[in-house]
Amino acid sequence: MIQEFDRIVLVSDLPEFNLKQGDIGTVVLIHRGGEGYEIEFVALDGETIAVVSLFAFQIRPIQHREIAHARPVEA
């Protein structure tokens, strides 16, 4: 089960927040025992890009031997 402060991976694009499938975020709050989550997405320089409420099916845990990939985010 995904826990508070776990890093997660977004499984689909969220264009309204300039987020894309594969973006990595951090769980900052768990809703209803894991039905939903508040996820903070932060740029590599530390700027918060978005804090988004998501359902469990919209995220997944980071898996063994995955690597991050940098990309610019539009303002």
N, C-alpha and C. Protein backbone atom coordinates (compact mmCIF):
# COMPACT_ATOMS: atom_id res chain seq x y z
N MET A 1 0.83 -1.20 0.00
CA MET A 1 0.00 0.00 0.00
C MET A 1 0.87 1.26 0.00
N ILE A 2 0.44 2.25 -0.70
CA ILE A 2 1.16 3.52 -0.76
C ILE A 2 0.97 4.27 0.56
N GLN A 3 2.06 4.76 1.09
CA GLN A 3 2.06 5.46 2.38
C GLN A 3 2.34 6.95 2.21
N GLU A 4 2.04 7.72 3.25
CA GLU A 4 2.36 9.14 3.25
C GLU A 4 3.87 9.31 3.08
N PHE A 5 4.25 10.27 2.25
CA PHE A 5 5.63 10.63 1.91
C PHE A 5 6.29 9.66 0.93
N ASP A 6 5.57 8.64 0.46
CA ASP A 6 6.10 7.79 -0.61
C ASP A 6 6.16 8.59 -1.90
N ARG A 7 7.14 8.28 -2.72
CA ARG A 7 7.18 8.83 -4.07
C ARG A 7 6.37 7.92 -4.97
N ILE A 8 5.64 8.52 -5.90
CA ILE A 8 4.76 7.76 -6.79
C ILE A 8 4.99 8.21 -8.23
N VAL A 9 4.40 7.46 -9.15
CA VAL A 9 4.48 7.78 -10.58
C VAL A 9 3.06 8.02 -11.09
N LEU A 10 2.88 9.09 -11.82
CA LEU A 10 1.61 9.40 -12.46
C LEU A 10 1.40 8.47 -13.65
N VAL A 11 0.20 7.87 -13.77
CA VAL A 11 -0.01 6.89 -14.84
C VAL A 11 -0.71 7.46 -16.07
N SER A 12 -1.17 8.71 -16.03
CA SER A 12 -1.75 9.34 -17.21
C SER A 12 -1.51 10.84 -17.17
N ASP A 13 -1.57 11.47 -18.33
CA ASP A 13 -1.35 12.92 -18.41
C ASP A 13 -2.44 13.68 -17.67
N LEU A 14 -2.05 14.80 -17.06
CA LEU A 14 -2.98 15.77 -16.47
C LEU A 14 -2.66 17.13 -17.08
N PRO A 15 -3.11 17.39 -18.31
CA PRO A 15 -2.72 18.62 -19.01
C PRO A 15 -3.13 19.90 -18.28
N GLU A 16 -4.20 19.86 -17.51
CA GLU A 16 -4.62 21.06 -16.79
C GLU A 16 -3.63 21.48 -15.71
N PHE A 17 -2.70 20.57 -15.34
CA PHE A 17 -1.66 20.88 -14.36
C PHE A 17 -0.26 20.81 -14.99
N ASN A 18 -0.19 20.68 -16.32
CA ASN A 18 1.10 20.53 -17.02
C ASN A 18 1.87 19.31 -16.54
N LEU A 19 1.16 18.24 -16.18
CA LEU A 19 1.80 17.01 -15.73
C LEU A 19 1.61 15.93 -16.78
N LYS A 20 2.62 15.06 -16.88
CA LYS A 20 2.58 13.99 -17.88
C LYS A 20 2.80 12.63 -17.24
N GLN A 21 2.28 11.62 -17.93
CA GLN A 21 2.48 10.25 -17.48
C GLN A 21 3.97 10.04 -17.22
N GLY A 22 4.27 9.42 -16.09
CA GLY A 22 5.66 9.17 -15.72
C GLY A 22 6.24 10.20 -14.77
N ASP A 23 5.56 11.36 -14.61
CA ASP A 23 6.05 12.35 -13.65
C ASP A 23 6.00 11.76 -12.24
N ILE A 24 6.96 12.16 -11.42
CA ILE A 24 7.10 11.63 -10.07
C ILE A 24 6.63 12.67 -9.07
N GLY A 25 5.81 12.23 -8.13
CA GLY A 25 5.32 13.11 -7.08
C GLY A 25 5.47 12.45 -5.72
N THR A 26 5.11 13.19 -4.68
CA THR A 26 5.20 12.70 -3.31
C THR A 26 3.82 12.76 -2.66
N VAL A 27 3.44 11.69 -1.98
CA VAL A 27 2.17 11.64 -1.27
C VAL A 27 2.27 12.53 -0.04
N VAL A 28 1.37 13.52 0.06
CA VAL A 28 1.36 14.39 1.23
C VAL A 28 0.14 14.16 2.11
N LEU A 29 -0.86 13.43 1.60
CA LEU A 29 -2.06 13.12 2.38
C LEU A 29 -2.76 11.94 1.74
N ILE A 30 -3.30 11.06 2.58
CA ILE A 30 -4.04 9.90 2.10
C ILE A 30 -5.51 10.09 2.46
N HIS A 31 -6.40 9.88 1.48
CA HIS A 31 -7.84 10.01 1.69
C HIS A 31 -8.49 8.64 1.78
N ARG A 32 -9.40 8.49 2.72
CA ARG A 32 -10.25 7.30 2.85
C ARG A 32 -9.48 5.98 2.73
N GLY A 33 -8.41 5.87 3.48
CA GLY A 33 -7.67 4.62 3.53
C GLY A 33 -7.02 4.20 2.22
N GLY A 34 -6.78 5.14 1.34
CA GLY A 34 -6.09 4.84 0.09
C GLY A 34 -6.96 4.94 -1.14
N GLU A 35 -8.20 5.42 -1.00
CA GLU A 35 -9.04 5.63 -2.19
C GLU A 35 -8.53 6.79 -3.04
N GLY A 36 -7.90 7.75 -2.37
CA GLY A 36 -7.37 8.91 -3.06
C GLY A 36 -6.18 9.48 -2.31
N TYR A 37 -5.47 10.38 -2.97
CA TYR A 37 -4.23 10.92 -2.42
C TYR A 37 -4.06 12.38 -2.82
N GLU A 38 -3.44 13.16 -1.96
CA GLU A 38 -2.92 14.48 -2.33
C GLU A 38 -1.46 14.25 -2.71
N ILE A 39 -1.11 14.67 -3.91
CA ILE A 39 0.24 14.46 -4.42
C ILE A 39 0.87 15.80 -4.75
N GLU A 40 2.09 16.01 -4.26
CA GLU A 40 2.85 17.20 -4.60
C GLU A 40 3.87 16.84 -5.67
N PHE A 41 3.87 17.62 -6.74
CA PHE A 41 4.83 17.46 -7.82
C PHE A 41 5.79 18.65 -7.76
N VAL A 42 7.09 18.35 -7.68
CA VAL A 42 8.11 19.37 -7.46
C VAL A 42 9.15 19.28 -8.57
N ALA A 43 9.53 20.44 -9.12
CA ALA A 43 10.60 20.50 -10.12
C ALA A 43 11.93 20.15 -9.44
N LEU A 44 12.91 19.80 -10.25
CA LEU A 44 14.21 19.42 -9.71
C LEU A 44 14.90 20.55 -8.95
N ASP A 45 14.52 21.80 -9.22
CA ASP A 45 15.11 22.92 -8.50
C ASP A 45 14.36 23.25 -7.21
N GLY A 46 13.32 22.45 -6.86
CA GLY A 46 12.61 22.62 -5.61
C GLY A 46 11.29 23.37 -5.71
N GLU A 47 10.97 23.93 -6.86
CA GLU A 47 9.71 24.66 -7.03
C GLU A 47 8.54 23.69 -7.11
N THR A 48 7.50 23.94 -6.31
CA THR A 48 6.29 23.13 -6.40
C THR A 48 5.56 23.47 -7.69
N ILE A 49 5.32 22.46 -8.51
CA ILE A 49 4.61 22.62 -9.78
C ILE A 49 3.11 22.52 -9.55
N ALA A 50 2.68 21.55 -8.73
CA ALA A 50 1.25 21.35 -8.47
C ALA A 50 1.07 20.47 -7.24
N VAL A 51 -0.04 20.68 -6.55
CA VAL A 51 -0.52 19.77 -5.51
C VAL A 51 -1.90 19.35 -5.99
N VAL A 52 -2.07 18.05 -6.24
CA VAL A 52 -3.24 17.56 -6.94
C VAL A 52 -3.89 16.42 -6.14
N SER A 53 -5.23 16.42 -6.09
CA SER A 53 -5.97 15.29 -5.52
C SER A 53 -6.19 14.26 -6.62
N LEU A 54 -5.76 13.03 -6.37
CA LEU A 54 -5.87 11.97 -7.37
C LEU A 54 -6.47 10.72 -6.76
N PHE A 55 -7.13 9.94 -7.62
CA PHE A 55 -7.63 8.63 -7.21
C PHE A 55 -6.49 7.63 -7.26
N ALA A 56 -6.64 6.54 -6.56
CA ALA A 56 -5.60 5.51 -6.49
C ALA A 56 -5.24 4.98 -7.88
N PHE A 57 -6.21 4.88 -8.79
CA PHE A 57 -5.93 4.33 -10.11
C PHE A 57 -5.10 5.28 -10.98
N GLN A 58 -4.91 6.51 -10.55
CA GLN A 58 -4.15 7.49 -11.33
C GLN A 58 -2.66 7.50 -11.00
N ILE A 59 -2.27 6.74 -9.99
CA ILE A 59 -0.87 6.71 -9.57
C ILE A 59 -0.43 5.26 -9.36
N ARG A 60 0.88 5.08 -9.26
CA ARG A 60 1.42 3.77 -8.91
C ARG A 60 2.73 3.97 -8.14
N PRO A 61 3.12 2.97 -7.38
CA PRO A 61 4.40 3.08 -6.67
C PRO A 61 5.56 3.06 -7.66
N ILE A 62 6.67 3.63 -7.26
CA ILE A 62 7.90 3.52 -8.03
C ILE A 62 8.37 2.07 -7.94
N GLN A 63 8.81 1.53 -9.06
CA GLN A 63 9.25 0.14 -9.12
C GLN A 63 10.77 0.04 -9.12
N HIS A 64 11.25 -1.13 -8.80
CA HIS A 64 12.68 -1.41 -8.76
C HIS A 64 13.33 -1.12 -10.11
N ARG A 65 14.46 -0.46 -10.09
CA ARG A 65 15.29 -0.17 -11.27
C ARG A 65 14.63 0.76 -12.27
N GLU A 66 13.79 1.67 -11.80
CA GLU A 66 13.28 2.73 -12.67
C GLU A 66 14.20 3.94 -12.53
N ILE A 67 14.26 4.72 -13.59
CA ILE A 67 15.13 5.89 -13.59
C ILE A 67 14.30 7.13 -13.94
N ALA A 68 14.60 8.24 -13.30
CA ALA A 68 13.89 9.49 -13.58
C ALA A 68 14.41 10.11 -14.87
N HIS A 69 13.58 10.93 -15.50
CA HIS A 69 13.94 11.61 -16.74
C HIS A 69 13.53 13.07 -16.59
N ALA A 70 14.42 13.99 -16.85
CA ALA A 70 14.12 15.42 -16.71
C ALA A 70 13.44 15.96 -17.95
N ARG A 71 12.49 16.88 -17.74
CA ARG A 71 11.81 17.57 -18.85
C ARG A 71 11.40 18.95 -18.33
N PRO A 72 11.37 19.95 -19.20
CA PRO A 72 10.89 21.27 -18.79
C PRO A 72 9.38 21.27 -18.63
N VAL A 73 8.88 22.09 -17.71
CA VAL A 73 7.44 22.24 -17.49
C VAL A 73 7.07 23.67 -17.84
N GLU A 74 6.05 23.81 -18.67
CA GLU A 74 5.58 25.14 -19.05
C GLU A 74 4.97 25.85 -17.85
N ALA A 75 5.11 27.15 -17.81
CA ALA A 75 4.56 27.95 -16.71
C ALA A 75 3.04 28.01 -16.76
